[in-house]
Amino acid sequence: MPTDPSPAQREALADVASALLSIARKLQSRGFQDPAIVHLTGMEVAVLQQVDRQPGISPREIAERLGLRSSNTSAALRGLQSKGFVTRTPDPNDRRGVCVHPTAAAEASTRRVRAEFAALMAEALDPALAPALAERLRGMDEALRYT
């Protein structure tokens, strides 16, 4: 990817960011139809995504990946644990540390959320284009990591 975009490319890149923010706001404002989906805060969602991606991750690693203070990470983990979405187990390599794992309830809720997101996105995007777009967006997400 070029490091010095042209003025027109800079405008287009800014348009991409604006569109992503607008789409995210619309997805968040719609709410969920499935009453079995448990409401999570934005912070809880971000933390749970990290736990889903790497079961057994430490709270410190979560904080680093998300650019959070440890106190914010701890608060989100407490919320997720109280909702039955994560468990903490002793770290076998560090007696002082813990490993965080998703529960079956978290996995079930994530499936429900993803099903609703898929239905919403099918209204706005040709499903045949979704795999390539998802891959590109994951790459962008990874490139914009906090750390």
N, C-alpha and C. Protein backbone atom coordinates (compact mmCIF):
# COMPACT_ATOMS: atom_id res chain seq x y z
N MET A 1 0.84 -1.17 0.00
CA MET A 1 0.00 0.00 0.00
C MET A 1 0.89 1.23 0.00
N PRO A 2 0.62 2.20 -0.88
CA PRO A 2 1.47 3.39 -0.93
C PRO A 2 1.40 4.18 0.37
N THR A 3 2.55 4.73 0.75
CA THR A 3 2.60 5.50 1.99
C THR A 3 2.24 6.96 1.77
N ASP A 4 2.29 7.42 0.53
CA ASP A 4 2.00 8.82 0.24
C ASP A 4 0.85 8.92 -0.76
N PRO A 5 -0.38 8.81 -0.28
CA PRO A 5 -1.52 8.85 -1.21
C PRO A 5 -1.68 10.23 -1.83
N SER A 6 -2.26 10.24 -3.01
CA SER A 6 -2.56 11.49 -3.69
C SER A 6 -3.70 12.19 -2.95
N PRO A 7 -3.94 13.47 -3.24
CA PRO A 7 -5.07 14.16 -2.60
C PRO A 7 -6.41 13.45 -2.84
N ALA A 8 -6.63 12.95 -4.04
CA ALA A 8 -7.89 12.24 -4.32
C ALA A 8 -7.97 10.95 -3.52
N GLN A 9 -6.84 10.26 -3.39
CA GLN A 9 -6.81 9.03 -2.60
C GLN A 9 -7.05 9.32 -1.13
N ARG A 10 -6.48 10.42 -0.62
CA ARG A 10 -6.72 10.80 0.79
C ARG A 10 -8.20 11.05 1.03
N GLU A 11 -8.85 11.72 0.10
CA GLU A 11 -10.29 11.97 0.20
C GLU A 11 -11.06 10.65 0.23
N ALA A 12 -10.69 9.74 -0.66
CA ALA A 12 -11.38 8.45 -0.72
C ALA A 12 -11.14 7.64 0.56
N LEU A 13 -9.91 7.68 1.09
CA LEU A 13 -9.62 6.98 2.34
C LEU A 13 -10.44 7.55 3.49
N ALA A 14 -10.58 8.86 3.53
CA ALA A 14 -11.41 9.49 4.57
C ALA A 14 -12.87 9.10 4.39
N ASP A 15 -13.32 8.99 3.14
CA ASP A 15 -14.69 8.55 2.86
C ASP A 15 -14.92 7.12 3.35
N VAL A 16 -13.92 6.25 3.19
CA VAL A 16 -14.03 4.87 3.67
C VAL A 16 -14.21 4.88 5.19
N ALA A 17 -13.38 5.64 5.89
CA ALA A 17 -13.49 5.71 7.36
C ALA A 17 -14.85 6.24 7.78
N SER A 18 -15.32 7.28 7.11
CA SER A 18 -16.63 7.85 7.45
C SER A 18 -17.76 6.84 7.22
N ALA A 19 -17.68 6.10 6.11
CA ALA A 19 -18.71 5.10 5.82
C ALA A 19 -18.69 3.99 6.87
N LEU A 20 -17.49 3.53 7.26
CA LEU A 20 -17.40 2.49 8.29
C LEU A 20 -18.00 2.96 9.60
N LEU A 21 -17.72 4.19 9.99
CA LEU A 21 -18.30 4.73 11.23
C LEU A 21 -19.83 4.81 11.14
N SER A 22 -20.32 5.25 10.00
CA SER A 22 -21.77 5.36 9.81
C SER A 22 -22.44 3.98 9.87
N ILE A 23 -21.83 3.00 9.22
CA ILE A 23 -22.38 1.64 9.24
C ILE A 23 -22.38 1.09 10.66
N ALA A 24 -21.28 1.30 11.40
CA ALA A 24 -21.20 0.81 12.78
C ALA A 24 -22.28 1.44 13.64
N ARG A 25 -22.50 2.75 13.48
CA ARG A 25 -23.56 3.42 14.26
C ARG A 25 -24.93 2.84 13.94
N LYS A 26 -25.18 2.59 12.67
CA LYS A 26 -26.48 2.04 12.27
C LYS A 26 -26.68 0.64 12.82
N LEU A 27 -25.64 -0.18 12.77
CA LEU A 27 -25.75 -1.53 13.33
C LEU A 27 -26.02 -1.48 14.83
N GLN A 28 -25.34 -0.58 15.53
CA GLN A 28 -25.52 -0.48 16.99
C GLN A 28 -26.89 0.07 17.35
N SER A 29 -27.40 1.00 16.57
CA SER A 29 -28.66 1.64 16.93
C SER A 29 -29.88 0.77 16.66
N ARG A 30 -29.75 -0.23 15.80
CA ARG A 30 -30.89 -1.08 15.47
C ARG A 30 -31.34 -1.97 16.61
N GLY A 31 -30.43 -2.36 17.46
CA GLY A 31 -30.79 -3.32 18.50
C GLY A 31 -30.97 -4.70 17.89
N PHE A 32 -31.24 -5.66 18.73
CA PHE A 32 -31.39 -7.04 18.28
C PHE A 32 -32.84 -7.48 18.40
N GLN A 33 -33.26 -8.32 17.47
CA GLN A 33 -34.61 -8.86 17.49
C GLN A 33 -34.72 -10.08 18.40
N ASP A 34 -33.66 -10.86 18.47
CA ASP A 34 -33.65 -12.09 19.27
C ASP A 34 -33.57 -11.73 20.75
N PRO A 35 -34.61 -12.05 21.53
CA PRO A 35 -34.60 -11.70 22.95
C PRO A 35 -33.56 -12.49 23.76
N ALA A 36 -33.02 -13.54 23.17
CA ALA A 36 -32.01 -14.33 23.88
C ALA A 36 -30.63 -13.69 23.83
N ILE A 37 -30.46 -12.66 23.00
CA ILE A 37 -29.16 -11.99 22.91
C ILE A 37 -29.01 -11.09 24.12
N VAL A 38 -27.92 -11.28 24.84
CA VAL A 38 -27.62 -10.51 26.05
C VAL A 38 -26.92 -9.21 25.64
N HIS A 39 -27.42 -8.09 26.16
CA HIS A 39 -26.80 -6.80 25.85
C HIS A 39 -25.42 -6.72 26.48
N LEU A 40 -24.44 -6.30 25.69
CA LEU A 40 -23.08 -6.06 26.17
C LEU A 40 -22.69 -4.62 25.87
N THR A 41 -21.86 -4.06 26.72
CA THR A 41 -21.32 -2.74 26.43
C THR A 41 -20.33 -2.85 25.28
N GLY A 42 -19.99 -1.73 24.68
CA GLY A 42 -18.99 -1.73 23.61
C GLY A 42 -17.66 -2.30 24.08
N MET A 43 -17.28 -1.97 25.30
CA MET A 43 -16.03 -2.48 25.85
C MET A 43 -16.10 -3.99 26.04
N GLU A 44 -17.24 -4.49 26.54
CA GLU A 44 -17.40 -5.93 26.72
C GLU A 44 -17.33 -6.66 25.38
N VAL A 45 -17.93 -6.08 24.35
CA VAL A 45 -17.87 -6.69 23.02
C VAL A 45 -16.43 -6.79 22.55
N ALA A 46 -15.68 -5.71 22.67
CA ALA A 46 -14.28 -5.70 22.22
C ALA A 46 -13.45 -6.73 22.97
N VAL A 47 -13.65 -6.81 24.29
CA VAL A 47 -12.90 -7.78 25.10
C VAL A 47 -13.31 -9.21 24.74
N LEU A 48 -14.62 -9.45 24.59
CA LEU A 48 -15.07 -10.79 24.24
C LEU A 48 -14.54 -11.22 22.87
N GLN A 49 -14.46 -10.30 21.94
CA GLN A 49 -13.89 -10.63 20.63
C GLN A 49 -12.45 -11.13 20.77
N GLN A 50 -11.68 -10.50 21.63
CA GLN A 50 -10.30 -10.94 21.84
C GLN A 50 -10.26 -12.33 22.48
N VAL A 51 -11.15 -12.57 23.43
CA VAL A 51 -11.20 -13.88 24.10
C VAL A 51 -11.63 -14.95 23.10
N ASP A 52 -12.59 -14.62 22.23
CA ASP A 52 -13.03 -15.57 21.20
C ASP A 52 -11.91 -15.89 20.23
N ARG A 53 -11.14 -14.87 19.86
CA ARG A 53 -10.05 -15.07 18.90
C ARG A 53 -8.91 -15.89 19.48
N GLN A 54 -8.68 -15.73 20.79
CA GLN A 54 -7.58 -16.44 21.43
C GLN A 54 -7.99 -16.93 22.81
N PRO A 55 -8.72 -18.04 22.87
CA PRO A 55 -9.09 -18.58 24.19
C PRO A 55 -7.83 -18.85 25.01
N GLY A 56 -7.89 -18.46 26.28
CA GLY A 56 -6.74 -18.62 27.16
C GLY A 56 -5.87 -17.38 27.24
N ILE A 57 -6.29 -16.32 26.56
CA ILE A 57 -5.56 -15.06 26.57
C ILE A 57 -5.53 -14.48 27.98
N SER A 58 -4.50 -13.73 28.29
CA SER A 58 -4.42 -13.10 29.61
C SER A 58 -5.07 -11.71 29.57
N PRO A 59 -5.53 -11.23 30.70
CA PRO A 59 -6.07 -9.87 30.75
C PRO A 59 -5.06 -8.82 30.27
N ARG A 60 -3.79 -9.03 30.58
CA ARG A 60 -2.75 -8.08 30.15
C ARG A 60 -2.67 -8.05 28.62
N GLU A 61 -2.73 -9.21 27.98
CA GLU A 61 -2.70 -9.27 26.51
C GLU A 61 -3.93 -8.59 25.90
N ILE A 62 -5.07 -8.78 26.52
CA ILE A 62 -6.29 -8.13 26.03
C ILE A 62 -6.12 -6.62 26.09
N ALA A 63 -5.65 -6.12 27.21
CA ALA A 63 -5.45 -4.68 27.38
C ALA A 63 -4.48 -4.14 26.33
N GLU A 64 -3.40 -4.84 26.11
CA GLU A 64 -2.41 -4.39 25.12
C GLU A 64 -3.00 -4.37 23.72
N ARG A 65 -3.72 -5.40 23.35
CA ARG A 65 -4.28 -5.47 22.00
C ARG A 65 -5.34 -4.40 21.75
N LEU A 66 -6.07 -4.04 22.80
CA LEU A 66 -7.14 -3.06 22.64
C LEU A 66 -6.73 -1.64 23.03
N GLY A 67 -5.51 -1.49 23.52
CA GLY A 67 -5.06 -0.16 23.94
C GLY A 67 -5.80 0.35 25.16
N LEU A 68 -6.11 -0.56 26.08
CA LEU A 68 -6.88 -0.21 27.28
C LEU A 68 -6.01 -0.19 28.52
N ARG A 69 -6.47 0.51 29.52
CA ARG A 69 -5.85 0.41 30.83
C ARG A 69 -6.30 -0.90 31.47
N SER A 70 -5.47 -1.43 32.34
CA SER A 70 -5.81 -2.71 32.97
C SER A 70 -7.10 -2.61 33.77
N SER A 71 -7.37 -1.45 34.36
CA SER A 71 -8.60 -1.31 35.14
C SER A 71 -9.85 -1.41 34.26
N ASN A 72 -9.77 -0.86 33.04
CA ASN A 72 -10.91 -0.96 32.12
C ASN A 72 -11.11 -2.40 31.65
N THR A 73 -10.00 -3.08 31.40
CA THR A 73 -10.08 -4.48 30.99
C THR A 73 -10.67 -5.32 32.11
N SER A 74 -10.22 -5.09 33.32
CA SER A 74 -10.74 -5.84 34.47
C SER A 74 -12.23 -5.61 34.65
N ALA A 75 -12.67 -4.37 34.49
CA ALA A 75 -14.10 -4.07 34.64
C ALA A 75 -14.92 -4.79 33.57
N ALA A 76 -14.44 -4.79 32.34
CA ALA A 76 -15.15 -5.49 31.27
C ALA A 76 -15.18 -6.99 31.53
N LEU A 77 -14.07 -7.54 31.99
CA LEU A 77 -14.04 -8.98 32.30
C LEU A 77 -14.98 -9.33 33.44
N ARG A 78 -15.07 -8.47 34.46
CA ARG A 78 -16.02 -8.71 35.55
C ARG A 78 -17.45 -8.73 35.01
N GLY A 79 -17.76 -7.78 34.13
CA GLY A 79 -19.10 -7.75 33.54
C GLY A 79 -19.40 -8.99 32.73
N LEU A 80 -18.42 -9.41 31.93
CA LEU A 80 -18.61 -10.62 31.12
C LEU A 80 -18.73 -11.87 32.00
N GLN A 81 -17.96 -11.91 33.06
CA GLN A 81 -18.04 -13.06 33.97
C GLN A 81 -19.39 -13.08 34.68
N SER A 82 -19.89 -11.92 35.08
CA SER A 82 -21.19 -11.88 35.76
C SER A 82 -22.33 -12.28 34.83
N LYS A 83 -22.13 -12.11 33.54
CA LYS A 83 -23.14 -12.51 32.55
C LYS A 83 -22.94 -13.96 32.10
N GLY A 84 -21.93 -14.61 32.64
CA GLY A 84 -21.68 -16.01 32.30
C GLY A 84 -21.00 -16.20 30.96
N PHE A 85 -20.28 -15.18 30.47
CA PHE A 85 -19.68 -15.24 29.14
C PHE A 85 -18.19 -15.59 29.15
N VAL A 86 -17.52 -15.46 30.27
CA VAL A 86 -16.11 -15.85 30.34
C VAL A 86 -15.84 -16.54 31.67
N THR A 87 -14.80 -17.36 31.63
CA THR A 87 -14.28 -17.95 32.87
C THR A 87 -12.80 -17.59 32.95
N ARG A 88 -12.31 -17.54 34.16
CA ARG A 88 -10.89 -17.29 34.38
C ARG A 88 -10.31 -18.51 35.08
N THR A 89 -9.18 -18.98 34.56
CA THR A 89 -8.50 -20.11 35.16
C THR A 89 -7.06 -19.71 35.45
N PRO A 90 -6.44 -20.34 36.44
CA PRO A 90 -5.03 -20.02 36.72
C PRO A 90 -4.16 -20.30 35.50
N ASP A 91 -3.21 -19.41 35.26
CA ASP A 91 -2.25 -19.60 34.17
C ASP A 91 -1.25 -20.66 34.59
N PRO A 92 -1.16 -21.77 33.85
CA PRO A 92 -0.24 -22.84 34.25
C PRO A 92 1.24 -22.42 34.19
N ASN A 93 1.53 -21.34 33.46
CA ASN A 93 2.92 -20.88 33.32
C ASN A 93 3.27 -19.72 34.25
N ASP A 94 2.26 -19.16 34.92
CA ASP A 94 2.50 -18.01 35.79
C ASP A 94 1.49 -18.09 36.94
N ARG A 95 1.95 -18.46 38.11
CA ARG A 95 1.03 -18.65 39.25
C ARG A 95 0.24 -17.39 39.58
N ARG A 96 0.76 -16.22 39.23
CA ARG A 96 0.05 -14.97 39.54
C ARG A 96 -0.97 -14.61 38.48
N GLY A 97 -0.87 -15.22 37.29
CA GLY A 97 -1.72 -14.83 36.17
C GLY A 97 -2.95 -15.70 36.00
N VAL A 98 -3.83 -15.24 35.13
CA VAL A 98 -5.02 -16.02 34.79
C VAL A 98 -5.15 -16.08 33.27
N CYS A 99 -5.89 -17.07 32.82
CA CYS A 99 -6.24 -17.23 31.42
C CYS A 99 -7.76 -17.06 31.31
N VAL A 100 -8.18 -16.37 30.27
CA VAL A 100 -9.61 -16.09 30.09
C VAL A 100 -10.12 -16.93 28.92
N HIS A 101 -11.27 -17.59 29.15
CA HIS A 101 -11.87 -18.47 28.14
C HIS A 101 -13.34 -18.08 27.95
N PRO A 102 -13.83 -18.20 26.70
CA PRO A 102 -15.26 -17.97 26.47
C PRO A 102 -16.05 -19.18 26.97
N THR A 103 -17.28 -18.95 27.36
CA THR A 103 -18.16 -20.03 27.79
C THR A 103 -19.07 -20.44 26.62
N ALA A 104 -19.78 -21.52 26.82
CA ALA A 104 -20.77 -21.96 25.82
C ALA A 104 -21.85 -20.90 25.64
N ALA A 105 -22.21 -20.22 26.73
CA ALA A 105 -23.23 -19.15 26.62
C ALA A 105 -22.73 -18.02 25.73
N ALA A 106 -21.46 -17.66 25.85
CA ALA A 106 -20.89 -16.61 25.00
C ALA A 106 -20.89 -17.05 23.54
N GLU A 107 -20.52 -18.29 23.31
CA GLU A 107 -20.49 -18.80 21.94
C GLU A 107 -21.89 -18.83 21.34
N ALA A 108 -22.89 -19.21 22.12
CA ALA A 108 -24.27 -19.24 21.63
C ALA A 108 -24.77 -17.83 21.32
N SER A 109 -24.47 -16.90 22.20
CA SER A 109 -24.89 -15.52 21.98
C SER A 109 -24.19 -14.92 20.76
N THR A 110 -22.93 -15.22 20.61
CA THR A 110 -22.18 -14.74 19.44
C THR A 110 -22.79 -15.27 18.15
N ARG A 111 -23.19 -16.53 18.13
CA ARG A 111 -23.85 -17.09 16.95
C ARG A 111 -25.15 -16.34 16.64
N ARG A 112 -25.92 -16.03 17.68
CA ARG A 112 -27.18 -15.30 17.47
C ARG A 112 -26.92 -13.89 16.92
N VAL A 113 -25.93 -13.21 17.49
CA VAL A 113 -25.58 -11.87 17.03
C VAL A 113 -25.13 -11.92 15.57
N ARG A 114 -24.26 -12.87 15.25
CA ARG A 114 -23.75 -12.99 13.88
C ARG A 114 -24.88 -13.30 12.89
N ALA A 115 -25.86 -14.09 13.32
CA ALA A 115 -27.00 -14.39 12.44
C ALA A 115 -27.79 -13.12 12.15
N GLU A 116 -28.00 -12.29 13.16
CA GLU A 116 -28.73 -11.04 12.94
C GLU A 116 -27.91 -10.08 12.07
N PHE A 117 -26.62 -9.99 12.33
CA PHE A 117 -25.77 -9.14 11.50
C PHE A 117 -25.80 -9.61 10.04
N ALA A 118 -25.73 -10.92 9.83
CA ALA A 118 -25.75 -11.45 8.46
C ALA A 118 -27.05 -11.08 7.75
N ALA A 119 -28.17 -11.19 8.45
CA ALA A 119 -29.45 -10.83 7.85
C ALA A 119 -29.50 -9.34 7.49
N LEU A 120 -29.00 -8.50 8.38
CA LEU A 120 -28.98 -7.05 8.10
C LEU A 120 -28.07 -6.73 6.93
N MET A 121 -26.89 -7.32 6.92
CA MET A 121 -25.94 -7.01 5.86
C MET A 121 -26.42 -7.53 4.51
N ALA A 122 -27.18 -8.63 4.50
CA ALA A 122 -27.70 -9.17 3.24
C ALA A 122 -28.67 -8.19 2.58
N GLU A 123 -29.26 -7.29 3.38
CA GLU A 123 -30.14 -6.26 2.83
C GLU A 123 -29.35 -5.18 2.09
N ALA A 124 -28.08 -5.00 2.46
CA ALA A 124 -27.31 -3.88 1.92
C ALA A 124 -26.15 -4.31 1.02
N LEU A 125 -25.81 -5.59 1.01
CA LEU A 125 -24.62 -6.04 0.29
C LEU A 125 -24.93 -7.35 -0.42
N ASP A 126 -24.51 -7.45 -1.66
CA ASP A 126 -24.64 -8.70 -2.41
C ASP A 126 -23.85 -9.77 -1.66
N PRO A 127 -24.50 -10.84 -1.21
CA PRO A 127 -23.79 -11.87 -0.45
C PRO A 127 -22.58 -12.45 -1.18
N ALA A 128 -22.58 -12.43 -2.50
CA ALA A 128 -21.43 -12.94 -3.25
C ALA A 128 -20.19 -12.09 -3.04
N LEU A 129 -20.37 -10.82 -2.69
CA LEU A 129 -19.24 -9.92 -2.47
C LEU A 129 -18.71 -10.00 -1.04
N ALA A 130 -19.47 -10.59 -0.15
CA ALA A 130 -19.14 -10.58 1.29
C ALA A 130 -17.80 -11.22 1.62
N PRO A 131 -17.45 -12.39 1.07
CA PRO A 131 -16.17 -13.00 1.46
C PRO A 131 -14.96 -12.10 1.18
N ALA A 132 -14.90 -11.52 -0.02
CA ALA A 132 -13.76 -10.66 -0.36
C ALA A 132 -13.75 -9.39 0.49
N LEU A 133 -14.93 -8.81 0.68
CA LEU A 133 -15.00 -7.60 1.50
C LEU A 133 -14.62 -7.90 2.95
N ALA A 134 -15.11 -9.01 3.49
CA ALA A 134 -14.77 -9.39 4.87
C ALA A 134 -13.26 -9.57 5.02
N GLU A 135 -12.65 -10.21 4.05
CA GLU A 135 -11.20 -10.41 4.11
C GLU A 135 -10.46 -9.07 4.10
N ARG A 136 -10.89 -8.16 3.24
CA ARG A 136 -10.25 -6.85 3.15
C ARG A 136 -10.43 -6.06 4.46
N LEU A 137 -11.64 -6.11 5.02
CA LEU A 137 -11.90 -5.39 6.27
C LEU A 137 -11.12 -5.99 7.43
N ARG A 138 -10.99 -7.32 7.48
CA ARG A 138 -10.16 -7.93 8.53
C ARG A 138 -8.71 -7.47 8.40
N GLY A 139 -8.23 -7.37 7.18
CA GLY A 139 -6.87 -6.87 6.96
C GLY A 139 -6.71 -5.44 7.43
N MET A 140 -7.71 -4.61 7.16
CA MET A 140 -7.68 -3.23 7.64
C MET A 140 -7.70 -3.19 9.16
N ASP A 141 -8.55 -4.02 9.75
CA ASP A 141 -8.66 -4.07 11.20
C ASP A 141 -7.30 -4.44 11.81
N GLU A 142 -6.65 -5.43 11.23
CA GLU A 142 -5.35 -5.87 11.73
C GLU A 142 -4.30 -4.77 11.55
N ALA A 143 -4.34 -4.07 10.43
CA ALA A 143 -3.36 -3.01 10.16
C ALA A 143 -3.52 -1.83 11.13
N LEU A 144 -4.72 -1.65 11.65
CA LEU A 144 -5.00 -0.53 12.56
C LEU A 144 -4.98 -0.95 14.02
N ARG A 145 -4.29 -2.03 14.34
CA ARG A 145 -4.20 -2.49 15.73
C ARG A 145 -3.73 -1.37 16.63
N TYR A 146 -4.12 -1.46 17.89
CA TYR A 146 -3.74 -0.46 18.88
C TYR A 146 -2.27 -0.53 19.23
N THR A 147 -1.69 -1.74 19.16
CA THR A 147 -0.28 -1.88 19.54
C THR A 147 0.54 -2.30 18.35
